C-alpha cells in the first residue's frame, strides 16, 4: 500500500489558487469602501493614522499602532526598508 503513495496532490483537495480566491472574496466584503479622495481617516481604525507629512511637495503618510510605536521607542537600532512603488 505504501508503494502507491506519490508526491502528487490529492485530487479531492481544492487547488490553492481557488482557496485564495474564495478567501479574498470573503475578506473583500469585510473591507471598508475604497476612499474617494486623499482624506480617508474615517476608514482607518482609531489611532492608526499617525501623521501626514509633506516634504518638498511629496506626501508621506505614517501608519502605526501605539504598541508599534512603543516597540520602536524601546529599540536600540532601527532598520528601514523603502517602498519604491505604490501597490
C-alpha atoms as a PDB file:
ATOM      1  CA  UNK A   1       0.000   0.000   0.000  1.00  0.00           C
ATOM      2  CA  UNK A   2       2.848   2.456   0.744  1.00  0.00           C
ATOM      3  CA  UNK A   3       4.231   1.938  -2.741  1.00  0.00           C
ATOM      4  CA  UNK A   4       1.001   3.508  -4.092  1.00  0.00           C
ATOM      5  CA  UNK A   5       1.745   6.866  -2.420  1.00  0.00           C
ATOM      6  CA  UNK A   6       3.033   9.589  -4.723  1.00  0.00           C
ATOM      7  CA  UNK A   7       4.115  13.211  -4.444  1.00  0.00           C
ATOM      8  CA  UNK A   8       1.043  14.288  -6.439  1.00  0.00           C
ATOM      9  CA  UNK A   9      -1.545  16.373  -4.638  1.00  0.00           C
ATOM     10  CA  UNK A  10      -4.774  14.775  -3.554  1.00  0.00           C
ATOM     11  CA  UNK A  11      -7.425  15.274  -6.261  1.00  0.00           C
ATOM     12  CA  UNK A  12     -10.101  15.592  -3.559  1.00  0.00           C
ATOM     13  CA  UNK A  13      -8.492  18.775  -2.175  1.00  0.00           C
ATOM     14  CA  UNK A  14      -9.232  22.178  -3.742  1.00  0.00           C
ATOM     15  CA  UNK A  15      -6.476  23.931  -5.659  1.00  0.00           C
ATOM     16  CA  UNK A  16      -4.637  26.564  -3.556  1.00  0.00           C
ATOM     17  CA  UNK A  17      -5.480  29.289  -6.094  1.00  0.00           C
ATOM     18  CA  UNK A  18      -9.194  28.568  -5.677  1.00  0.00           C
ATOM     19  CA  UNK A  19      -8.902  28.690  -1.875  1.00  0.00           C
ATOM     20  CA  UNK A  20      -7.052  32.031  -2.074  1.00  0.00           C
ATOM     21  CA  UNK A  21      -9.669  33.469  -4.444  1.00  0.00           C
ATOM     22  CA  UNK A  22     -12.521  32.410  -2.148  1.00  0.00           C
ATOM     23  CA  UNK A  23     -10.758  33.887   0.894  1.00  0.00           C
ATOM     24  CA  UNK A  24     -10.158  37.189  -0.917  1.00  0.00           C
ATOM     25  CA  UNK A  25     -13.796  37.394  -1.979  1.00  0.00           C
ATOM     26  CA  UNK A  26     -14.910  36.843   1.609  1.00  0.00           C
ATOM     27  CA  UNK A  27     -12.427  39.384   3.005  1.00  0.00           C
ATOM     28  CA  UNK A  28     -13.428  41.946   0.389  1.00  0.00           C
ATOM     29  CA  UNK A  29     -16.938  42.017   1.866  1.00  0.00           C
ATOM     30  CA  UNK A  30     -15.410  42.937   5.246  1.00  0.00           C
ATOM     31  CA  UNK A  31     -13.221  45.759   3.914  1.00  0.00           C
ATOM     32  CA  UNK A  32     -14.395  49.361   4.131  1.00  0.00           C
ATOM     33  CA  UNK A  33     -15.369  51.135   0.930  1.00  0.00           C
ATOM     34  CA  UNK A  34     -12.433  52.482  -1.092  1.00  0.00           C
ATOM     35  CA  UNK A  35     -11.725  56.146  -0.284  1.00  0.00           C
ATOM     36  CA  UNK A  36     -12.789  58.581  -2.983  1.00  0.00           C
ATOM     37  CA  UNK A  37     -10.150  61.200  -2.078  1.00  0.00           C
ATOM     38  CA  UNK A  38      -6.973  61.529  -0.012  1.00  0.00           C
ATOM     39  CA  UNK A  39      -8.903  62.426   3.163  1.00  0.00           C
ATOM     40  CA  UNK A  40      -9.672  58.902   4.314  1.00  0.00           C
ATOM     41  CA  UNK A  41      -9.089  58.999   8.081  1.00  0.00           C
ATOM     42  CA  UNK A  42     -12.635  57.786   8.780  1.00  0.00           C
ATOM     43  CA  UNK A  43     -11.786  54.463   7.044  1.00  0.00           C
ATOM     44  CA  UNK A  44      -8.959  53.612   9.485  1.00  0.00           C
ATOM     45  CA  UNK A  45      -9.071  52.158  12.980  1.00  0.00           C
ATOM     46  CA  UNK A  46      -8.868  54.866  15.669  1.00  0.00           C
ATOM     47  CA  UNK A  47      -5.289  55.974  16.353  1.00  0.00           C
ATOM     48  CA  UNK A  48      -3.739  54.074  13.404  1.00  0.00           C
ATOM     49  CA  UNK A  49      -3.087  57.110  11.191  1.00  0.00           C
ATOM     50  CA  UNK A  50      -0.265  58.995  12.927  1.00  0.00           C
ATOM     51  CA  UNK A  51       0.811  61.770  10.573  1.00  0.00           C
ATOM     52  CA  UNK A  52       0.555  63.337   7.134  1.00  0.00           C
ATOM     53  CA  UNK A  53       3.998  64.808   6.382  1.00  0.00           C
ATOM     54  CA  UNK A  54       4.832  66.815   3.269  1.00  0.00           C
ATOM     55  CA  UNK A  55       8.491  67.196   2.271  1.00  0.00           C
ATOM     56  CA  UNK A  56       9.303  69.107  -0.927  1.00  0.00           C
ATOM     57  CA  UNK A  57       5.763  68.625  -2.294  1.00  0.00           C
ATOM     58  CA  UNK A  58       5.891  64.860  -1.641  1.00  0.00           C
ATOM     59  CA  UNK A  59       3.284  63.456   0.721  1.00  0.00           C
ATOM     60  CA  UNK A  60       4.255  60.809   3.295  1.00  0.00           C
ATOM     61  CA  UNK A  61       1.588  59.036   5.339  1.00  0.00           C
ATOM     62  CA  UNK A  62       2.601  57.478   8.672  1.00  0.00           C
ATOM     63  CA  UNK A  63       0.583  54.499   9.962  1.00  0.00           C
ATOM     64  CA  UNK A  64       1.243  52.671  13.238  1.00  0.00           C
ATOM     65  CA  UNK A  65      -0.489  51.345  16.325  1.00  0.00           C
ATOM     66  CA  UNK A  66       0.591  52.709  19.707  1.00  0.00           C
ATOM     67  CA  UNK A  67       2.056  49.275  20.534  1.00  0.00           C
ATOM     68  CA  UNK A  68       4.291  49.506  17.455  1.00  0.00           C
ATOM     69  CA  UNK A  69       5.445  52.999  18.392  1.00  0.00           C
ATOM     70  CA  UNK A  70       6.281  51.805  21.919  1.00  0.00           C
ATOM     71  CA  UNK A  71       8.357  48.952  20.458  1.00  0.00           C
ATOM     72  CA  UNK A  72      10.261  51.399  18.234  1.00  0.00           C
ATOM     73  CA  UNK A  73      10.879  53.712  21.186  1.00  0.00           C
ATOM     74  CA  UNK A  74      12.487  50.844  23.129  1.00  0.00           C
ATOM     75  CA  UNK A  75      14.640  49.601  20.218  1.00  0.00           C
ATOM     76  CA  UNK A  76      18.372  50.363  20.181  1.00  0.00           C
ATOM     77  CA  UNK A  77      18.585  50.177  16.365  1.00  0.00           C
ATOM     78  CA  UNK A  78      16.078  50.736  13.579  1.00  0.00           C
ATOM     79  CA  UNK A  79      16.368  49.120  10.151  1.00  0.00           C
ATOM     80  CA  UNK A  80      14.340  50.785   7.410  1.00  0.00           C
ATOM     81  CA  UNK A  81      13.089  49.471   4.095  1.00  0.00           C
ATOM     82  CA  UNK A  82      11.610  51.718   1.433  1.00  0.00           C
ATOM     83  CA  UNK A  83       8.741  51.005  -0.888  1.00  0.00           C
ATOM     84  CA  UNK A  84       9.568  52.496  -4.267  1.00  0.00           C
ATOM     85  CA  UNK A  85       6.280  51.656  -5.954  1.00  0.00           C
ATOM     86  CA  UNK A  86       2.720  52.115  -4.810  1.00  0.00           C
ATOM     87  CA  UNK A  87       0.823  48.835  -4.674  1.00  0.00           C
END
